Amino acid sequence: MNFFTMKKIMLGLAVTAMVAGGIPLAAAQGASDAAAAVATPASGATAKPTKAERKAARKQARAKKNAELKKLEAAGYQPGKADPSYPTDLQNAQKKAGIGTGASQ
């Protein structure tokens, strides 16, 4: 498994955990004022976010994901390494870095 595949898997697990836990993605990402305004429109109708708002939300999500990956790497996790004890290594790094536990089995 290469580095980019691992990042995609980690992002997918994070999104799945947030959605399954009932946490709105915008709130979980520390939404900016623009994204928060989209989440709770003043008119009461659900407005489609503008291109700039979607871009800002993507940039924010990417920054959060990259920051979390850096914390995991600093805690000893090596995402590009082909390791048979992958889940255990990731969970140990998450505990050490103080990041959420991820999906439980």
C-alpha atoms as a PDB file:
ATOM      1  CA  MET A   1       0.000   0.000   0.000  1.00  0.00           C
ATOM      2  CA  ASN A   2       1.492   3.330  -0.948  1.00  0.00           C
ATOM      3  CA  PHE A   3       1.381   6.600   0.963  1.00  0.00           C
ATOM      4  CA  PHE A   4      -1.479   8.168  -1.011  1.00  0.00           C
ATOM      5  CA  THR A   5      -3.685   5.095  -0.713  1.00  0.00           C
ATOM      6  CA  MET A   6      -3.142   5.116   3.058  1.00  0.00           C
ATOM      7  CA  LYS A   7      -4.039   8.815   3.253  1.00  0.00           C
ATOM      8  CA  LYS A   8      -7.262   8.137   1.317  1.00  0.00           C
ATOM      9  CA  ILE A   9      -8.151   5.282   3.653  1.00  0.00           C
ATOM     10  CA  MET A  10      -7.456   7.400   6.742  1.00  0.00           C
ATOM     11  CA  LEU A  11      -9.554  10.264   5.391  1.00  0.00           C
ATOM     12  CA  GLY A  12     -12.378   7.878   4.527  1.00  0.00           C
ATOM     13  CA  LEU A  13     -12.327   6.373   8.008  1.00  0.00           C
ATOM     14  CA  ALA A  14     -12.342   9.809   9.607  1.00  0.00           C
ATOM     15  CA  VAL A  15     -15.295  10.981   7.512  1.00  0.00           C
ATOM     16  CA  THR A  16     -17.178   7.734   8.160  1.00  0.00           C
ATOM     17  CA  ALA A  17     -16.586   8.012  11.899  1.00  0.00           C
ATOM     18  CA  MET A  18     -17.797  11.622  11.937  1.00  0.00           C
ATOM     19  CA  VAL A  19     -20.911  10.870   9.893  1.00  0.00           C
ATOM     20  CA  ALA A  20     -21.711   7.703  11.853  1.00  0.00           C
ATOM     21  CA  GLY A  21     -21.221   9.579  15.110  1.00  0.00           C
ATOM     22  CA  GLY A  22     -23.717  12.216  14.042  1.00  0.00           C
ATOM     23  CA  ILE A  23     -21.159  15.033  14.028  1.00  0.00           C
ATOM     24  CA  PRO A  24     -21.718  17.452  11.152  1.00  0.00           C
ATOM     25  CA  LEU A  25     -18.566  17.682   9.054  1.00  0.00           C
ATOM     26  CA  ALA A  26     -18.493  21.484   9.163  1.00  0.00           C
ATOM     27  CA  ALA A  27     -18.574  21.460  12.978  1.00  0.00           C
ATOM     28  CA  ALA A  28     -15.982  18.689  13.218  1.00  0.00           C
ATOM     29  CA  GLN A  29     -13.589  20.621  10.998  1.00  0.00           C
ATOM     30  CA  GLY A  30     -13.760  23.809  13.071  1.00  0.00           C
ATOM     31  CA  ALA A  31     -15.793  25.557  10.389  1.00  0.00           C
ATOM     32  CA  SER A  32     -14.958  29.066   9.347  1.00  0.00           C
ATOM     33  CA  ASP A  33     -17.565  31.820   9.509  1.00  0.00           C
ATOM     34  CA  ALA A  34     -18.411  31.320   5.835  1.00  0.00           C
ATOM     35  CA  ALA A  35     -18.859  27.577   6.200  1.00  0.00           C
ATOM     36  CA  ALA A  36     -20.853  28.027   9.420  1.00  0.00           C
ATOM     37  CA  ALA A  37     -23.148  30.445   7.613  1.00  0.00           C
ATOM     38  CA  VAL A  38     -23.777  27.781   4.974  1.00  0.00           C
ATOM     39  CA  ALA A  39     -24.546  25.185   7.641  1.00  0.00           C
ATOM     40  CA  THR A  40     -27.189  27.453   9.244  1.00  0.00           C
ATOM     41  CA  PRO A  41     -28.638  29.797   6.620  1.00  0.00           C
ATOM     42  CA  ALA A  42     -30.439  32.851   7.962  1.00  0.00           C
ATOM     43  CA  SER A  43     -33.427  32.496   5.627  1.00  0.00           C
ATOM     44  CA  GLY A  44     -34.292  29.011   6.877  1.00  0.00           C
ATOM     45  CA  ALA A  45     -34.042  27.508   3.385  1.00  0.00           C
ATOM     46  CA  THR A  46     -31.122  25.257   2.563  1.00  0.00           C
ATOM     47  CA  ALA A  47     -28.867  27.260   0.280  1.00  0.00           C
ATOM     48  CA  LYS A  48     -26.275  25.622  -1.925  1.00  0.00           C
ATOM     49  CA  PRO A  49     -22.771  26.703  -0.886  1.00  0.00           C
ATOM     50  CA  THR A  50     -20.916  28.883  -3.330  1.00  0.00           C
ATOM     51  CA  LYS A  51     -17.798  27.734  -5.129  1.00  0.00           C
ATOM     52  CA  ALA A  52     -15.613  29.899  -2.859  1.00  0.00           C
ATOM     53  CA  GLU A  53     -17.231  28.405   0.261  1.00  0.00           C
ATOM     54  CA  ARG A  54     -16.729  24.855  -1.026  1.00  0.00           C
ATOM     55  CA  LYS A  55     -13.099  25.659  -1.843  1.00  0.00           C
ATOM     56  CA  ALA A  56     -12.535  27.132   1.631  1.00  0.00           C
ATOM     57  CA  ALA A  57     -14.109  24.054   3.237  1.00  0.00           C
ATOM     58  CA  ARG A  58     -11.892  21.736   1.163  1.00  0.00           C
ATOM     59  CA  LYS A  59      -8.764  23.699   2.076  1.00  0.00           C
ATOM     60  CA  GLN A  60      -9.706  23.584   5.741  1.00  0.00           C
ATOM     61  CA  ALA A  61     -10.396  19.846   5.657  1.00  0.00           C
ATOM     62  CA  ARG A  62      -7.098  19.207   3.870  1.00  0.00           C
ATOM     63  CA  ALA A  63      -5.189  21.306   6.419  1.00  0.00           C
ATOM     64  CA  LYS A  64      -6.826  19.392   9.301  1.00  0.00           C
ATOM     65  CA  LYS A  65      -6.063  16.026   7.691  1.00  0.00           C
ATOM     66  CA  ASN A  66      -2.439  16.970   7.019  1.00  0.00           C
ATOM     67  CA  ALA A  67      -1.985  18.260  10.574  1.00  0.00           C
ATOM     68  CA  GLU A  68      -3.382  15.008  11.986  1.00  0.00           C
ATOM     69  CA  LEU A  69      -1.113  12.956   9.714  1.00  0.00           C
ATOM     70  CA  LYS A  70       1.926  14.972  10.863  1.00  0.00           C
ATOM     71  CA  LYS A  71       0.987  14.286  14.505  1.00  0.00           C
ATOM     72  CA  LEU A  72       0.694  10.569  13.762  1.00  0.00           C
ATOM     73  CA  GLU A  73       4.045  10.534  11.969  1.00  0.00           C
ATOM     74  CA  ALA A  74       5.656  12.381  14.894  1.00  0.00           C
ATOM     75  CA  ALA A  75       4.204   9.700  17.197  1.00  0.00           C
ATOM     76  CA  GLY A  76       5.996   6.997  15.194  1.00  0.00           C
ATOM     77  CA  TYR A  77       3.423   5.971  12.575  1.00  0.00           C
ATOM     78  CA  GLN A  78       4.880   5.282   9.121  1.00  0.00           C
ATOM     79  CA  PRO A  79       2.029   5.345   6.555  1.00  0.00           C
ATOM     80  CA  GLY A  80       4.119   4.209   3.560  1.00  0.00           C
ATOM     81  CA  LYS A  81       5.508   1.176   5.355  1.00  0.00           C
ATOM     82  CA  ALA A  82       4.042  -2.213   4.395  1.00  0.00           C
ATOM     83  CA  ASP A  83       3.398  -3.606   7.844  1.00  0.00           C
ATOM     84  CA  PRO A  84       1.348  -6.672   8.814  1.00  0.00           C
ATOM     85  CA  SER A  85       0.512  -5.064  12.175  1.00  0.00           C
ATOM     86  CA  TYR A  86      -0.979  -1.967  10.503  1.00  0.00           C
ATOM     87  CA  PRO A  87      -4.093  -1.440  12.647  1.00  0.00           C
ATOM     88  CA  THR A  88      -2.210  -1.857  15.907  1.00  0.00           C
ATOM     89  CA  ASP A  89       0.563   0.524  14.848  1.00  0.00           C
ATOM     90  CA  LEU A  90      -1.949   3.178  13.809  1.00  0.00           C
ATOM     91  CA  GLN A  91      -3.951   2.828  17.041  1.00  0.00           C
ATOM     92  CA  ASN A  92      -0.793   3.063  19.153  1.00  0.00           C
ATOM     93  CA  ALA A  93       0.272   6.220  17.294  1.00  0.00           C
ATOM     94  CA  GLN A  94      -3.220   7.704  17.761  1.00  0.00           C
ATOM     95  CA  LYS A  95      -3.068   7.080  21.517  1.00  0.00           C
ATOM     96  CA  LYS A  96       0.427   8.533  21.739  1.00  0.00           C
ATOM     97  CA  ALA A  97      -0.524  11.618  19.685  1.00  0.00           C
ATOM     98  CA  GLY A  98      -3.798  12.120  21.582  1.00  0.00           C
ATOM     99  CA  ILE A  99      -5.896  11.783  18.448  1.00  0.00           C
ATOM    100  CA  GLY A 100      -9.293  10.014  18.415  1.00  0.00           C
ATOM    101  CA  THR A 101      -9.281   6.232  18.453  1.00  0.00           C
ATOM    102  CA  GLY A 102     -10.836   5.808  14.982  1.00  0.00           C
ATOM    103  CA  ALA A 103     -13.080   2.884  14.106  1.00  0.00           C
ATOM    104  CA  SER A 104     -13.503   0.222  16.755  1.00  0.00           C
ATOM    105  CA  GLN A 105     -13.752  -3.469  15.959  1.00  0.00           C
END
